[in-house]
Amino acid sequence: MADIKQELKSEDGDNYPMGNNADPKNMQELTQFVQTLLQGMQDKFQSMSDQIIGRIDEMGNRIDDLEKNIADLMTQAGVENADK
């Protein structure tokens, strides 16, 4: 029984450095994969965010134009601006 424990300990010790050397490579590959994935998600999020901000700006401009047109129509109709 003691012989088996000794064999397991020596095998574990022999395999540990190899496993330890292989793990950083796998960890490095995993880290690179995660970083690439996160960068892709960040790029998509930034693109969507830019599109949303562009649409909000466009909508703001359209609202400003609409308010101006309403004010012009009210002036043409002879209605005083009650808001101001």
PDB file of N, CA and C in Angstrom:
ATOM      1  N   MET A   1       0.826  -1.194   0.000  1.00  0.00           N
ATOM      2  CA  MET A   1       0.000   0.000   0.000  1.00  0.00           C
ATOM      3  C   MET A   1       0.870   1.256   0.000  1.00  0.00           C
ATOM      4  N   ALA A   2       1.925   1.217   0.790  1.00  0.00           N
ATOM      5  CA  ALA A   2       2.844   2.349   0.840  1.00  0.00           C
ATOM      6  C   ALA A   2       3.536   2.525  -0.500  1.00  0.00           C
ATOM      7  N   ASP A   3       3.805   1.414  -1.185  1.00  0.00           N
ATOM      8  CA  ASP A   3       4.442   1.484  -2.504  1.00  0.00           C
ATOM      9  C   ASP A   3       3.540   2.197  -3.506  1.00  0.00           C
ATOM     10  N   ILE A   4       2.246   1.927  -3.434  1.00  0.00           N
ATOM     11  CA  ILE A   4       1.296   2.565  -4.361  1.00  0.00           C
ATOM     12  C   ILE A   4       1.236   4.063  -4.098  1.00  0.00           C
ATOM     13  N   LYS A   5       1.187   4.453  -2.822  1.00  0.00           N
ATOM     14  CA  LYS A   5       1.166   5.877  -2.487  1.00  0.00           C
ATOM     15  C   LYS A   5       2.428   6.561  -2.984  1.00  0.00           C
ATOM     16  N   GLN A   6       3.572   5.898  -2.805  1.00  0.00           N
ATOM     17  CA  GLN A   6       4.830   6.473  -3.268  1.00  0.00           C
ATOM     18  C   GLN A   6       4.820   6.628  -4.786  1.00  0.00           C
ATOM     19  N   GLU A   7       4.295   5.632  -5.505  1.00  0.00           N
ATOM     20  CA  GLU A   7       4.232   5.704  -6.961  1.00  0.00           C
ATOM     21  C   GLU A   7       3.325   6.862  -7.400  1.00  0.00           C
ATOM     22  N   LEU A   8       2.176   7.003  -6.740  1.00  0.00           N
ATOM     23  CA  LEU A   8       1.260   8.088  -7.090  1.00  0.00           C
ATOM     24  C   LEU A   8       1.898   9.445  -6.848  1.00  0.00           C
ATOM     25  N   LYS A   9       2.619   9.563  -5.718  1.00  0.00           N
ATOM     26  CA  LYS A   9       3.261  10.839  -5.429  1.00  0.00           C
ATOM     27  C   LYS A   9       4.305  11.169  -6.486  1.00  0.00           C
ATOM     28  N   SER A  10       5.100  10.183  -6.864  1.00  0.00           N
ATOM     29  CA  SER A  10       6.131  10.460  -7.864  1.00  0.00           C
ATOM     30  C   SER A  10       5.501  10.735  -9.226  1.00  0.00           C
ATOM     31  N   GLU A  11       4.422  10.060  -9.553  1.00  0.00           N
ATOM     32  CA  GLU A  11       3.737  10.320 -10.821  1.00  0.00           C
ATOM     33  C   GLU A  11       3.128  11.715 -10.819  1.00  0.00           C
ATOM     34  N   ASP A  12       2.492  12.091  -9.702  1.00  0.00           N
ATOM     35  CA  ASP A  12       1.915  13.429  -9.612  1.00  0.00           C
ATOM     36  C   ASP A  12       2.997  14.481  -9.758  1.00  0.00           C
ATOM     37  N   GLY A  13       4.135  14.245  -9.093  1.00  0.00           N
ATOM     38  CA  GLY A  13       5.239  15.191  -9.184  1.00  0.00           C
ATOM     39  C   GLY A  13       5.783  15.268 -10.591  1.00  0.00           C
ATOM     40  N   ASP A  14       5.828  14.138 -11.280  1.00  0.00           N
ATOM     41  CA  ASP A  14       6.332  14.136 -12.654  1.00  0.00           C
ATOM     42  C   ASP A  14       5.361  14.842 -13.593  1.00  0.00           C
ATOM     43  N   ASN A  15       4.076  14.643 -13.399  1.00  0.00           N
ATOM     44  CA  ASN A  15       3.071  15.235 -14.290  1.00  0.00           C
ATOM     45  C   ASN A  15       2.813  16.704 -13.990  1.00  0.00           C
ATOM     46  N   TYR A  16       3.062  17.098 -12.768  1.00  0.00           N
ATOM     47  CA  TYR A  16       2.711  18.466 -12.381  1.00  0.00           C
ATOM     48  C   TYR A  16       3.449  19.518 -13.206  1.00  0.00           C
ATOM     49  N   PRO A  17       4.759  19.394 -13.360  1.00  0.00           N
ATOM     50  CA  PRO A  17       5.421  20.428 -14.162  1.00  0.00           C
ATOM     51  C   PRO A  17       4.927  20.466 -15.600  1.00  0.00           C
ATOM     52  N   MET A  18       4.646  19.316 -16.192  1.00  0.00           N
ATOM     53  CA  MET A  18       4.134  19.305 -17.562  1.00  0.00           C
ATOM     54  C   MET A  18       2.752  19.947 -17.611  1.00  0.00           C
ATOM     55  N   GLY A  19       1.901  19.570 -16.648  1.00  0.00           N
ATOM     56  CA  GLY A  19       0.569  20.160 -16.590  1.00  0.00           C
ATOM     57  C   GLY A  19       0.655  21.642 -16.317  1.00  0.00           C
ATOM     58  N   ASN A  20       1.584  22.016 -15.473  1.00  0.00           N
ATOM     59  CA  ASN A  20       1.756  23.423 -15.131  1.00  0.00           C
ATOM     60  C   ASN A  20       2.243  24.210 -16.351  1.00  0.00           C
ATOM     61  N   ASN A  21       3.132  23.607 -17.142  1.00  0.00           N
ATOM     62  CA  ASN A  21       3.611  24.281 -18.345  1.00  0.00           C
ATOM     63  C   ASN A  21       2.516  24.378 -19.398  1.00  0.00           C
ATOM     64  N   ALA A  22       1.645  23.389 -19.463  1.00  0.00           N
ATOM     65  CA  ALA A  22       0.580  23.389 -20.462  1.00  0.00           C
ATOM     66  C   ALA A  22      -0.548  24.335 -20.068  1.00  0.00           C
ATOM     67  N   ASP A  23      -0.795  24.471 -18.781  1.00  0.00           N
ATOM     68  CA  ASP A  23      -1.910  25.297 -18.329  1.00  0.00           C
ATOM     69  C   ASP A  23      -1.767  26.763 -18.710  1.00  0.00           C
ATOM     70  N   PRO A  24      -0.600  27.380 -18.522  1.00  0.00           N
ATOM     71  CA  PRO A  24      -0.518  28.791 -18.931  1.00  0.00           C
ATOM     72  C   PRO A  24      -0.805  28.986 -20.412  1.00  0.00           C
ATOM     73  N   LYS A  25      -0.386  28.042 -21.246  1.00  0.00           N
ATOM     74  CA  LYS A  25      -0.692  28.157 -22.671  1.00  0.00           C
ATOM     75  C   LYS A  25      -2.204  28.117 -22.872  1.00  0.00           C
ATOM     76  N   ASN A  26      -2.868  27.155 -22.236  1.00  0.00           N
ATOM     77  CA  ASN A  26      -4.319  27.085 -22.353  1.00  0.00           C
ATOM     78  C   ASN A  26      -4.970  28.316 -21.736  1.00  0.00           C
ATOM     79  N   MET A  27      -4.433  28.757 -20.609  1.00  0.00           N
ATOM     80  CA  MET A  27      -4.977  29.944 -19.964  1.00  0.00           C
ATOM     81  C   MET A  27      -4.749  31.166 -20.848  1.00  0.00           C
ATOM     82  N   GLN A  28      -3.582  31.228 -21.484  1.00  0.00           N
ATOM     83  CA  GLN A  28      -3.287  32.344 -22.377  1.00  0.00           C
ATOM     84  C   GLN A  28      -4.231  32.334 -23.579  1.00  0.00           C
ATOM     85  N   GLU A  29      -4.474  31.163 -24.139  1.00  0.00           N
ATOM     86  CA  GLU A  29      -5.406  31.052 -25.261  1.00  0.00           C
ATOM     87  C   GLU A  29      -6.810  31.427 -24.835  1.00  0.00           C
ATOM     88  N   LEU A  30      -7.202  30.981 -23.652  1.00  0.00           N
ATOM     89  CA  LEU A  30      -8.526  31.312 -23.131  1.00  0.00           C
ATOM     90  C   LEU A  30      -8.643  32.811 -22.896  1.00  0.00           C
ATOM     91  N   THR A  31      -7.602  33.390 -22.302  1.00  0.00           N
ATOM     92  CA  THR A  31      -7.603  34.832 -22.051  1.00  0.00           C
ATOM     93  C   THR A  31      -7.708  35.602 -23.364  1.00  0.00           C
ATOM     94  N   GLN A  32      -6.954  35.165 -24.365  1.00  0.00           N
ATOM     95  CA  GLN A  32      -6.998  35.828 -25.673  1.00  0.00           C
ATOM     96  C   GLN A  32      -8.383  35.705 -26.295  1.00  0.00           C
ATOM     97  N   PHE A  33      -8.980  34.522 -26.185  1.00  0.00           N
ATOM     98  CA  PHE A  33     -10.324  34.311 -26.723  1.00  0.00           C
ATOM     99  C   PHE A  33     -11.334  35.223 -26.041  1.00  0.00           C
ATOM    100  N   VAL A  34     -11.247  35.294 -24.716  1.00  0.00           N
ATOM    101  CA  VAL A  34     -12.186  36.139 -23.958  1.00  0.00           C
ATOM    102  C   VAL A  34     -11.977  37.605 -24.315  1.00  0.00           C
ATOM    103  N   GLN A  35     -10.720  38.029 -24.432  1.00  0.00           N
ATOM    104  CA  GLN A  35     -10.452  39.421 -24.804  1.00  0.00           C
ATOM    105  C   GLN A  35     -10.987  39.738 -26.194  1.00  0.00           C
ATOM    106  N   THR A  36     -10.816  38.816 -27.116  1.00  0.00           N
ATOM    107  CA  THR A  36     -11.333  39.006 -28.473  1.00  0.00           C
ATOM    108  C   THR A  36     -12.857  39.079 -28.465  1.00  0.00           C
ATOM    109  N   LEU A  37     -13.467  38.197 -27.704  1.00  0.00           N
ATOM    110  CA  LEU A  37     -14.918  38.189 -27.591  1.00  0.00           C
ATOM    111  C   LEU A  37     -15.431  39.492 -26.995  1.00  0.00           C
ATOM    112  N   LEU A  38     -14.801  39.931 -25.912  1.00  0.00           N
ATOM    113  CA  LEU A  38     -15.206  41.183 -25.271  1.00  0.00           C
ATOM    114  C   LEU A  38     -14.988  42.379 -26.195  1.00  0.00           C
ATOM    115  N   GLN A  39     -13.892  42.374 -26.948  1.00  0.00           N
ATOM    116  CA  GLN A  39     -13.635  43.472 -27.884  1.00  0.00           C
ATOM    117  C   GLN A  39     -14.704  43.515 -28.965  1.00  0.00           C
ATOM    118  N   GLY A  40     -15.095  42.343 -29.467  1.00  0.00           N
ATOM    119  CA  GLY A  40     -16.165  42.288 -30.465  1.00  0.00           C
ATOM    120  C   GLY A  40     -17.479  42.804 -29.910  1.00  0.00           C
ATOM    121  N   MET A  41     -17.776  42.426 -28.679  1.00  0.00           N
ATOM    122  CA  MET A  41     -19.011  42.905 -28.048  1.00  0.00           C
ATOM    123  C   MET A  41     -18.952  44.409 -27.832  1.00  0.00           C
ATOM    124  N   GLN A  42     -17.788  44.910 -27.418  1.00  0.00           N
ATOM    125  CA  GLN A  42     -17.641  46.346 -27.205  1.00  0.00           C
ATOM    126  C   GLN A  42     -17.794  47.104 -28.523  1.00  0.00           C
ATOM    127  N   ASP A  43     -17.229  46.569 -29.596  1.00  0.00           N
ATOM    128  CA  ASP A  43     -17.355  47.210 -30.911  1.00  0.00           C
ATOM    129  C   ASP A  43     -18.816  47.260 -31.361  1.00  0.00           C
ATOM    130  N   LYS A  44     -19.530  46.156 -31.170  1.00  0.00           N
ATOM    131  CA  LYS A  44     -20.953  46.133 -31.549  1.00  0.00           C
ATOM    132  C   LYS A  44     -21.753  47.098 -30.692  1.00  0.00           C
ATOM    133  N   PHE A  45     -21.459  47.128 -29.389  1.00  0.00           N
ATOM    134  CA  PHE A  45     -22.163  48.036 -28.491  1.00  0.00           C
ATOM    135  C   PHE A  45     -21.902  49.482 -28.893  1.00  0.00           C
ATOM    136  N   GLN A  46     -20.642  49.803 -29.222  1.00  0.00           N
ATOM    137  CA  GLN A  46     -20.303  51.163 -29.628  1.00  0.00           C
ATOM    138  C   GLN A  46     -21.023  51.540 -30.912  1.00  0.00           C
ATOM    139  N   SER A  47     -21.089  50.619 -31.849  1.00  0.00           N
ATOM    140  CA  SER A  47     -21.784  50.870 -33.111  1.00  0.00           C
ATOM    141  C   SER A  47     -23.269  51.127 -32.870  1.00  0.00           C
ATOM    142  N   MET A  48     -23.879  50.282 -32.056  1.00  0.00           N
ATOM    143  CA  MET A  48     -25.298  50.467 -31.753  1.00  0.00           C
ATOM    144  C   MET A  48     -25.529  51.768 -30.996  1.00  0.00           C
ATOM    145  N   SER A  49     -24.639  52.084 -30.075  1.00  0.00           N
ATOM    146  CA  SER A  49     -24.751  53.321 -29.311  1.00  0.00           C
ATOM    147  C   SER A  49     -24.650  54.536 -30.231  1.00  0.00           C
ATOM    148  N   ASP A  50     -23.703  54.500 -31.172  1.00  0.00           N
ATOM    149  CA  ASP A  50     -23.564  55.595 -32.131  1.00  0.00           C
ATOM    150  C   ASP A  50     -24.811  55.747 -32.991  1.00  0.00           C
ATOM    151  N   GLN A  51     -25.402  54.617 -33.403  1.00  0.00           N
ATOM    152  CA  GLN A  51     -26.628  54.673 -34.200  1.00  0.00           C
ATOM    153  C   GLN A  51     -27.767  55.283 -33.394  1.00  0.00           C
ATOM    154  N   ILE A  52     -27.895  54.896 -32.149  1.00  0.00           N
ATOM    155  CA  ILE A  52     -28.971  55.423 -31.294  1.00  0.00           C
ATOM    156  C   ILE A  52     -28.793  56.923 -31.089  1.00  0.00           C
ATOM    157  N   ILE A  53     -27.563  57.345 -30.790  1.00  0.00           N
ATOM    158  CA  ILE A  53     -27.306  58.770 -30.584  1.00  0.00           C
ATOM    159  C   ILE A  53     -27.590  59.551 -31.868  1.00  0.00           C
ATOM    160  N   GLY A  54     -27.216  59.002 -33.011  1.00  0.00           N
ATOM    161  CA  GLY A  54     -27.503  59.654 -34.291  1.00  0.00           C
ATOM    162  C   GLY A  54     -28.995  59.812 -34.518  1.00  0.00           C
ATOM    163  N   ARG A  55     -29.744  58.773 -34.199  1.00  0.00           N
ATOM    164  CA  ARG A  55     -31.204  58.841 -34.375  1.00  0.00           C
ATOM    165  C   ARG A  55     -31.837  59.829 -33.397  1.00  0.00           C
ATOM    166  N   ILE A  56     -31.319  59.887 -32.176  1.00  0.00           N
ATOM    167  CA  ILE A  56     -31.841  60.851 -31.202  1.00  0.00           C
ATOM    168  C   ILE A  56     -31.567  62.275 -31.679  1.00  0.00           C
ATOM    169  N   ASP A  57     -30.350  62.517 -32.183  1.00  0.00           N
ATOM    170  CA  ASP A  57     -30.022  63.847 -32.718  1.00  0.00           C
ATOM    171  C   ASP A  57     -30.935  64.205 -33.890  1.00  0.00           C
ATOM    172  N   GLU A  58     -31.144  63.243 -34.785  1.00  0.00           N
ATOM    173  CA  GLU A  58     -32.028  63.470 -35.928  1.00  0.00           C
ATOM    174  C   GLU A  58     -33.449  63.779 -35.458  1.00  0.00           C
ATOM    175  N   MET A  59     -33.921  63.035 -34.481  1.00  0.00           N
ATOM    176  CA  MET A  59     -35.269  63.268 -33.952  1.00  0.00           C
ATOM    177  C   MET A  59     -35.357  64.646 -33.293  1.00  0.00           C
ATOM    178  N   GLY A  60     -34.296  65.040 -32.586  1.00  0.00           N
ATOM    179  CA  GLY A  60     -34.274  66.373 -31.978  1.00  0.00           C
ATOM    180  C   GLY A  60     -34.364  67.466 -33.033  1.00  0.00           C
ATOM    181  N   ASN A  61     -33.632  67.282 -34.125  1.00  0.00           N
ATOM    182  CA  ASN A  61     -33.685  68.263 -35.215  1.00  0.00           C
ATOM    183  C   ASN A  61     -35.082  68.320 -35.829  1.00  0.00           C
ATOM    184  N   ARG A  62     -35.691  67.178 -35.997  1.00  0.00           N
ATOM    185  CA  ARG A  62     -37.044  67.142 -36.581  1.00  0.00           C
ATOM    186  C   ARG A  62     -38.058  67.807 -35.646  1.00  0.00           C
ATOM    187  N   ILE A  63     -37.893  67.609 -34.350  1.00  0.00           N
ATOM    188  CA  ILE A  63     -38.798  68.250 -33.379  1.00  0.00           C
ATOM    189  C   ILE A  63     -38.604  69.765 -33.418  1.00  0.00           C
ATOM    190  N   ASP A  64     -37.338  70.204 -33.493  1.00  0.00           N
ATOM    191  CA  ASP A  64     -37.077  71.648 -33.596  1.00  0.00           C
ATOM    192  C   ASP A  64     -37.732  72.235 -34.843  1.00  0.00           C
ATOM    193  N   ASP A  65     -37.596  71.532 -35.976  1.00  0.00           N
ATOM    194  CA  ASP A  65     -38.231  71.997 -37.219  1.00  0.00           C
ATOM    195  C   ASP A  65     -39.746  72.034 -37.079  1.00  0.00           C
ATOM    196  N   LEU A  66     -40.309  71.023 -36.444  1.00  0.00           N
ATOM    197  CA  LEU A  66     -41.756  70.975 -36.249  1.00  0.00           C
ATOM    198  C   LEU A  66     -42.230  72.138 -35.378  1.00  0.00           C
ATOM    199  N   GLU A  67     -41.496  72.419 -34.304  1.00  0.00           N
ATOM    200  CA  GLU A  67     -41.866  73.547 -33.436  1.00  0.00           C
ATOM    201  C   GLU A  67     -41.801  74.868 -34.206  1.00  0.00           C
ATOM    202  N   LYS A  68     -40.756  75.011 -35.035  1.00  0.00           N
ATOM    203  CA  LYS A  68     -40.628  76.231 -35.829  1.00  0.00           C
ATOM    204  C   LYS A  68     -41.787  76.357 -36.813  1.00  0.00           C
ATOM    205  N   ASN A  69     -42.128  75.255 -37.487  1.00  0.00           N
ATOM    206  CA  ASN A  69     -43.241  75.279 -38.436  1.00  0.00           C
ATOM    207  C   ASN A  69     -44.560  75.595 -37.747  1.00  0.00           C
ATOM    208  N   ILE A  70     -44.781  75.048 -36.563  1.00  0.00           N
ATOM    209  CA  ILE A  70     -46.012  75.338 -35.817  1.00  0.00           C
ATOM    210  C   ILE A  70     -46.062  76.814 -35.435  1.00  0.00           C
ATOM    211  N   ALA A  71     -44.918  77.339 -34.989  1.00  0.00           N
ATOM    212  CA  ALA A  71     -44.872  78.765 -34.622  1.00  0.00           C
ATOM    213  C   ALA A  71     -45.152  79.634 -35.850  1.00  0.00           C
ATOM    214  N   ASP A  72     -44.590  79.267 -37.003  1.00  0.00           N
ATOM    215  CA  ASP A  72     -44.840  80.032 -38.232  1.00  0.00           C
ATOM    216  C   ASP A  72     -46.311  79.962 -38.619  1.00  0.00           C
ATOM    217  N   LEU A  73     -46.915  78.784 -38.525  1.00  0.00           N
ATOM    218  CA  LEU A  73     -48.340  78.641 -38.850  1.00  0.00           C
ATOM    219  C   LEU A  73     -49.209  79.457 -37.899  1.00  0.00           C
ATOM    220  N   MET A  74     -48.851  79.458 -36.622  1.00  0.00           N
ATOM    221  CA  MET A  74     -49.623  80.236 -35.649  1.00  0.00           C
ATOM    222  C   MET A  74     -49.504  81.729 -35.944  1.00  0.00           C
ATOM    223  N   THR A  75     -48.307  82.161 -36.363  1.00  0.00           N
ATOM    224  CA  THR A  75     -48.109  83.569 -36.714  1.00  0.00           C
ATOM    225  C   THR A  75     -48.934  83.926 -37.951  1.00  0.00           C
ATOM    226  N   GLN A  76     -48.924  83.027 -38.939  1.00  0.00           N
ATOM    227  CA  GLN A  76     -49.710  83.267 -40.146  1.00  0.00           C
ATOM    228  C   GLN A  76     -51.196  83.291 -39.846  1.00  0.00           C
ATOM    229  N   ALA A  77     -51.630  82.499 -38.894  1.00  0.00           N
ATOM    230  CA  ALA A  77     -53.050  82.441 -38.546  1.00  0.00           C
ATOM    231  C   ALA A  77     -53.448  83.594 -37.634  1.00  0.00           C
ATOM    232  N   GLY A  78     -52.473  84.354 -37.148  1.00  0.00           N
ATOM    233  CA  GLY A  78     -52.778  85.489 -36.281  1.00  0.00           C
ATOM    234  C   GLY A  78     -53.008  85.065 -34.850  1.00  0.00           C
ATOM    235  N   VAL A  79     -52.618  83.895 -34.495  1.00  0.00           N
ATOM    236  CA  VAL A  79     -52.777  83.441 -33.104  1.00  0.00           C
ATOM    237  C   VAL A  79     -51.543  83.846 -32.329  1.00  0.00           C
ATOM    238  N   GLU A  80     -51.757  84.454 -31.164  1.00  0.00           N
ATOM    239  CA  GLU A  80     -50.622  84.849 -30.319  1.00  0.00           C
ATOM    240  C   GLU A  80     -50.056  83.624 -29.640  1.00  0.00           C
ATOM    241  N   ASN A  81     -48.781  83.658 -29.389  1.00  0.00           N
ATOM    242  CA  ASN A  81     -48.118  82.535 -28.732  1.00  0.00           C
ATOM    243  C   ASN A  81     -48.431  82.593 -27.241  1.00  0.00           C
ATOM    244  N   ALA A  82     -49.300  81.689 -26.779  1.00  0.00           N
ATOM    245  CA  ALA A  82     -49.750  81.677 -25.378  1.00  0.00           C
ATOM    246  C   ALA A  82     -48.693  81.096 -24.475  1.00  0.00           C
ATOM    247  N   ASP A  83     -47.784  80.277 -24.994  1.00  0.00           N
ATOM    248  CA  ASP A  83     -46.762  79.629 -24.160  1.00  0.00           C
ATOM    249  C   ASP A  83     -45.746  80.613 -23.642  1.00  0.00           C
ATOM    250  N   LYS A  84     -45.427  81.614 -24.447  1.00  0.00           N
ATOM    251  CA  LYS A  84     -44.397  82.576 -24.053  1.00  0.00           C
ATOM    252  C   LYS A  84     -45.053  83.831 -23.640  1.00  0.00           C
TER     253      LYS A  84
END
